[in-house]
Amino acid sequence: MRLYLASTSPARLATLRSAGIEPAGLINPGVDEEALVARREEERGAPLSAAEMVAELARAKAEAVVGSLVDGEPIDGFILGGDSAFELDGVIYGKPHTADIARERWARMIGRTGVLHSGHWLIDHRGGTASGGIGQVEDATVEFAADISDAEIEAYIATGEPLAVAGAFTIDSRGQAFISRISGQPSTVIGLSVPTLRALLGTGFGVEWHRLWNR
């Protein structure tokens, strides 16, 4: 049983590997996230919530790689798409990309609590043909330490780590030292909820989790 990851995220790959799964392929979905969200909001005439946004993007990423070839061979297994966003005081934060934006976000987050939303979309592509998909959004509450110094934030930003992750923090690398408490599944904060993936496989397609173990 194979799993293909419609993502090039090192964190999602590491999470799958730690759960005993080596993806059969990592495929860049090439989705223009901002354009897709803008289109969906225009269609509905209202902004998407954080949960709706990550659900839409996870599905779009998985569907974008349907029919792709991996090492010259058709996909034969399940395709997983994922997306994450951090929400604080009703404001949605994606990847900051620049040091200035990351610095501004950390100034708001110190001593506060926010919600990390992770969307998942799983497509059955066994036999080389897509035959159905199912998705779920999982949330986790993240509480940040109140005693983080300016020097610590500057040093963290200088590593570059927070620039390319939703919310400008991680829990599986340097950023974990600044997190006081997590309520929910820890892997959700990394961007891929392992228990959610197991549930989607079982309830959606009748596939037992251990059948994906290959490490």
Protein backbone atom coordinates (compact mmCIF):
# COMPACT_ATOMS: atom_id res chain seq x y z
CA MET A 1 0.00 0.00 0.00
CA ARG A 2 1.55 3.30 -1.11
CA LEU A 3 1.10 6.89 0.03
CA TYR A 4 2.07 9.86 -2.14
CA LEU A 5 2.54 13.26 -0.55
CA ALA A 6 1.30 16.25 -2.56
CA SER A 7 3.78 18.47 -0.76
CA THR A 8 7.48 19.16 -0.50
CA SER A 9 7.27 20.10 3.18
CA PRO A 10 10.24 18.64 5.13
CA ALA A 11 8.14 18.69 8.31
CA ARG A 12 5.31 16.63 6.80
CA LEU A 13 7.82 14.18 5.34
CA ALA A 14 9.59 13.81 8.69
CA THR A 15 6.24 13.28 10.43
CA LEU A 16 5.28 10.46 8.07
CA ARG A 17 8.67 8.85 8.40
CA SER A 18 8.50 8.96 12.19
CA ALA A 19 5.12 7.21 11.90
CA GLY A 20 6.66 4.38 9.87
CA ILE A 21 5.73 5.58 6.38
CA GLU A 22 8.13 6.39 3.56
CA PRO A 23 6.06 8.13 0.85
CA ALA A 24 6.29 6.58 -2.60
CA GLY A 25 6.65 10.09 -3.99
CA LEU A 26 6.85 13.75 -3.01
CA ILE A 27 5.05 15.85 -5.61
CA ASN A 28 5.00 19.63 -5.72
CA PRO A 29 1.34 20.49 -6.41
CA GLY A 30 2.21 23.94 -7.73
CA VAL A 31 -1.00 25.51 -6.42
CA ASP A 32 -1.24 29.33 -6.37
CA GLU A 33 -2.67 29.52 -2.86
CA GLU A 34 -3.48 33.23 -2.78
CA ALA A 35 -5.24 33.10 -6.13
CA LEU A 36 -7.28 30.05 -5.16
CA VAL A 37 -8.42 31.58 -1.88
CA ALA A 38 -9.30 34.86 -3.61
CA ARG A 39 -11.34 32.97 -6.22
CA ARG A 40 -13.25 30.98 -3.61
CA GLU A 41 -14.01 34.11 -1.59
CA GLU A 42 -15.22 35.92 -4.68
CA GLU A 43 -17.48 32.99 -5.56
CA ARG A 44 -19.10 32.95 -2.13
CA GLY A 45 -19.01 36.70 -1.57
CA ALA A 46 -17.47 36.36 1.86
CA PRO A 47 -14.08 35.57 3.42
CA LEU A 48 -13.15 31.98 4.15
CA SER A 49 -12.62 31.01 7.75
CA ALA A 50 -9.23 29.56 8.67
CA ALA A 51 -10.68 26.04 8.72
CA GLU A 52 -12.39 26.52 5.36
CA MET A 53 -9.21 27.92 3.84
CA VAL A 54 -6.96 25.01 4.84
CA ALA A 55 -9.63 22.53 3.74
CA GLU A 56 -9.86 24.15 0.30
CA LEU A 57 -6.10 24.29 -0.14
CA ALA A 58 -5.50 20.73 1.05
CA ARG A 59 -8.04 19.44 -1.45
CA ALA A 60 -6.66 21.59 -4.27
CA LYS A 61 -3.12 20.34 -3.65
CA ALA A 62 -4.15 16.68 -3.65
CA GLU A 63 -6.28 17.08 -6.78
CA ALA A 64 -3.50 18.99 -8.57
CA VAL A 65 -1.29 15.90 -8.71
CA VAL A 66 -3.95 13.40 -9.83
CA GLY A 67 -2.67 11.63 -12.91
CA SER A 68 0.96 12.58 -12.29
CA LEU A 69 3.87 10.27 -12.95
CA VAL A 70 6.41 9.45 -10.25
CA ASP A 71 9.71 8.15 -11.56
CA GLY A 72 7.96 7.57 -14.87
CA GLU A 73 5.23 5.44 -13.32
CA PRO A 74 1.55 6.29 -12.67
CA ILE A 75 0.52 6.92 -9.09
CA ASP A 76 -0.78 3.70 -7.56
CA GLY A 77 -1.93 4.36 -4.01
CA PHE A 78 -3.27 7.23 -1.92
CA ILE A 79 -2.54 10.92 -2.46
CA LEU A 80 -2.38 13.18 0.59
CA GLY A 81 -2.69 16.95 0.38
CA GLY A 82 -2.32 19.23 3.37
CA ASP A 83 -2.32 22.86 4.40
CA SER A 84 -1.99 24.78 7.66
CA ALA A 85 -2.78 28.22 9.03
CA PHE A 86 -2.44 29.84 12.43
CA GLU A 87 -5.26 31.94 13.88
CA LEU A 88 -4.90 34.51 16.64
CA ASP A 89 -7.72 36.83 17.71
CA GLY A 90 -9.64 35.92 14.56
CA VAL A 91 -6.77 36.88 12.26
CA ILE A 92 -5.33 34.18 9.97
CA TYR A 93 -1.56 33.95 9.63
CA GLY A 94 0.22 31.90 6.98
CA LYS A 95 3.95 31.89 6.30
CA PRO A 96 5.61 35.23 7.10
CA HIS A 97 8.39 34.90 4.49
CA THR A 98 10.27 37.97 5.81
CA ALA A 99 12.03 38.74 9.08
CA ASP A 100 10.05 41.92 9.64
CA ILE A 101 6.70 40.15 9.38
CA ALA A 102 7.89 37.29 11.60
CA ARG A 103 9.04 39.83 14.20
CA GLU A 104 5.66 41.58 14.18
CA ARG A 105 3.84 38.30 14.62
CA TRP A 106 5.97 37.19 17.53
CA ALA A 107 5.33 40.51 19.25
CA ARG A 108 1.62 39.61 19.16
CA MET A 109 2.02 35.96 20.13
CA ILE A 110 4.19 36.12 23.25
CA GLY A 111 2.15 35.02 26.26
CA ARG A 112 -0.91 34.44 24.08
CA THR A 113 -2.88 31.43 22.85
CA GLY A 114 -3.86 30.73 19.24
CA VAL A 115 -5.18 27.90 17.10
CA LEU A 116 -3.28 25.98 14.43
CA HIS A 117 -5.62 24.61 11.75
CA SER A 118 -4.42 21.74 9.56
CA GLY A 119 -6.42 20.59 6.55
CA HIS A 120 -6.11 17.11 5.05
CA TRP A 121 -7.45 15.67 1.79
CA LEU A 122 -6.92 12.03 0.86
CA ILE A 123 -7.59 10.67 -2.64
CA ASP A 124 -7.83 6.99 -3.52
CA HIS A 125 -5.63 6.65 -6.60
CA ARG A 126 -5.07 2.90 -6.43
CA GLY A 127 -4.74 1.29 -9.80
CA GLY A 128 -3.69 4.57 -11.40
CA THR A 129 -7.15 6.18 -11.36
CA ALA A 130 -8.72 8.59 -8.86
CA SER A 131 -11.87 7.03 -7.42
CA GLY A 132 -12.86 9.23 -4.50
CA GLY A 133 -11.60 11.63 -1.89
CA ILE A 134 -12.24 12.51 1.73
CA GLY A 135 -10.98 15.27 3.99
CA GLN A 136 -10.89 16.62 7.51
CA VAL A 137 -9.60 19.68 9.35
CA GLU A 138 -7.92 19.19 12.70
CA ASP A 139 -7.24 21.99 15.19
CA ALA A 140 -4.75 22.35 18.04
CA THR A 141 -4.47 25.16 20.56
CA VAL A 142 -0.97 26.56 21.10
CA GLU A 143 0.08 28.62 24.13
CA PHE A 144 3.28 30.66 23.89
CA ALA A 145 5.61 31.38 26.80
CA ALA A 146 5.22 34.82 28.35
CA ASP A 147 8.89 35.37 29.19
CA ILE A 148 10.44 35.23 25.70
CA SER A 149 13.06 37.96 25.33
CA ASP A 150 13.70 40.20 22.33
CA ALA A 151 17.15 38.62 22.01
CA GLU A 152 15.63 35.14 21.81
CA ILE A 153 13.18 36.22 19.12
CA GLU A 154 15.92 37.91 17.09
CA ALA A 155 18.11 34.82 17.33
CA TYR A 156 15.21 32.58 16.30
CA ILE A 157 14.33 34.73 13.30
CA ALA A 158 17.99 34.81 12.27
CA THR A 159 17.93 31.01 11.84
CA GLY A 160 15.36 31.44 9.06
CA GLU A 161 13.22 28.68 10.54
CA PRO A 162 10.09 30.73 11.28
CA LEU A 163 9.95 32.41 7.88
CA ALA A 164 8.58 29.44 5.94
CA VAL A 165 6.07 27.95 8.38
CA ALA A 166 2.48 28.87 9.21
CA GLY A 167 2.34 31.18 12.21
CA ALA A 168 6.13 31.71 12.23
CA PHE A 169 6.82 28.88 14.69
CA THR A 170 7.52 25.17 14.87
CA ILE A 171 7.15 22.54 17.60
CA ASP A 172 9.51 20.01 16.05
CA SER A 173 12.64 22.16 15.91
CA ARG A 174 14.04 25.31 17.56
CA GLY A 175 10.63 26.89 18.06
CA GLN A 176 9.47 24.23 20.51
CA ALA A 177 11.34 25.95 23.34
CA PHE A 178 8.92 28.88 23.14
CA ILE A 179 5.73 26.80 23.39
CA SER A 180 4.27 26.39 26.90
CA ARG A 181 1.36 24.11 26.14
CA ILE A 182 -0.47 22.37 23.30
CA SER A 183 -4.06 21.16 23.47
CA GLY A 184 -4.77 18.69 20.70
CA GLN A 185 -2.71 16.34 18.59
CA PRO A 186 0.93 17.55 18.48
CA SER A 187 1.41 16.40 14.87
CA THR A 188 -1.45 18.73 13.88
CA VAL A 189 0.79 21.68 14.72
CA ILE A 190 3.51 20.26 12.47
CA GLY A 191 1.01 20.30 9.61
CA LEU A 192 -0.10 16.68 9.33
CA SER A 193 -2.24 15.01 11.97
CA VAL A 194 -1.23 11.36 12.02
CA PRO A 195 -4.36 10.23 13.92
CA THR A 196 -6.51 12.10 11.39
CA LEU A 197 -4.76 10.41 8.47
CA ARG A 198 -5.30 7.03 10.10
CA ALA A 199 -9.00 7.82 10.59
CA LEU A 200 -9.44 8.96 6.97
CA LEU A 201 -7.89 5.77 5.67
CA GLY A 202 -10.03 3.59 7.91
CA THR A 203 -13.41 5.29 7.77
CA GLY A 204 -13.12 6.50 4.19
CA PHE A 205 -11.49 3.55 2.46
CA GLY A 206 -11.44 0.64 4.90
CA VAL A 207 -7.64 0.54 4.97
CA GLU A 208 -5.93 -0.42 8.22
CA TRP A 209 -3.17 1.94 9.29
CA HIS A 210 -0.41 -0.61 9.58
CA ARG A 211 -0.73 -1.50 5.89
CA LEU A 212 1.09 1.74 5.09
CA TRP A 213 4.06 0.98 7.31
CA ASN A 214 7.15 0.43 5.16
CA ARG A 215 10.05 1.63 7.32
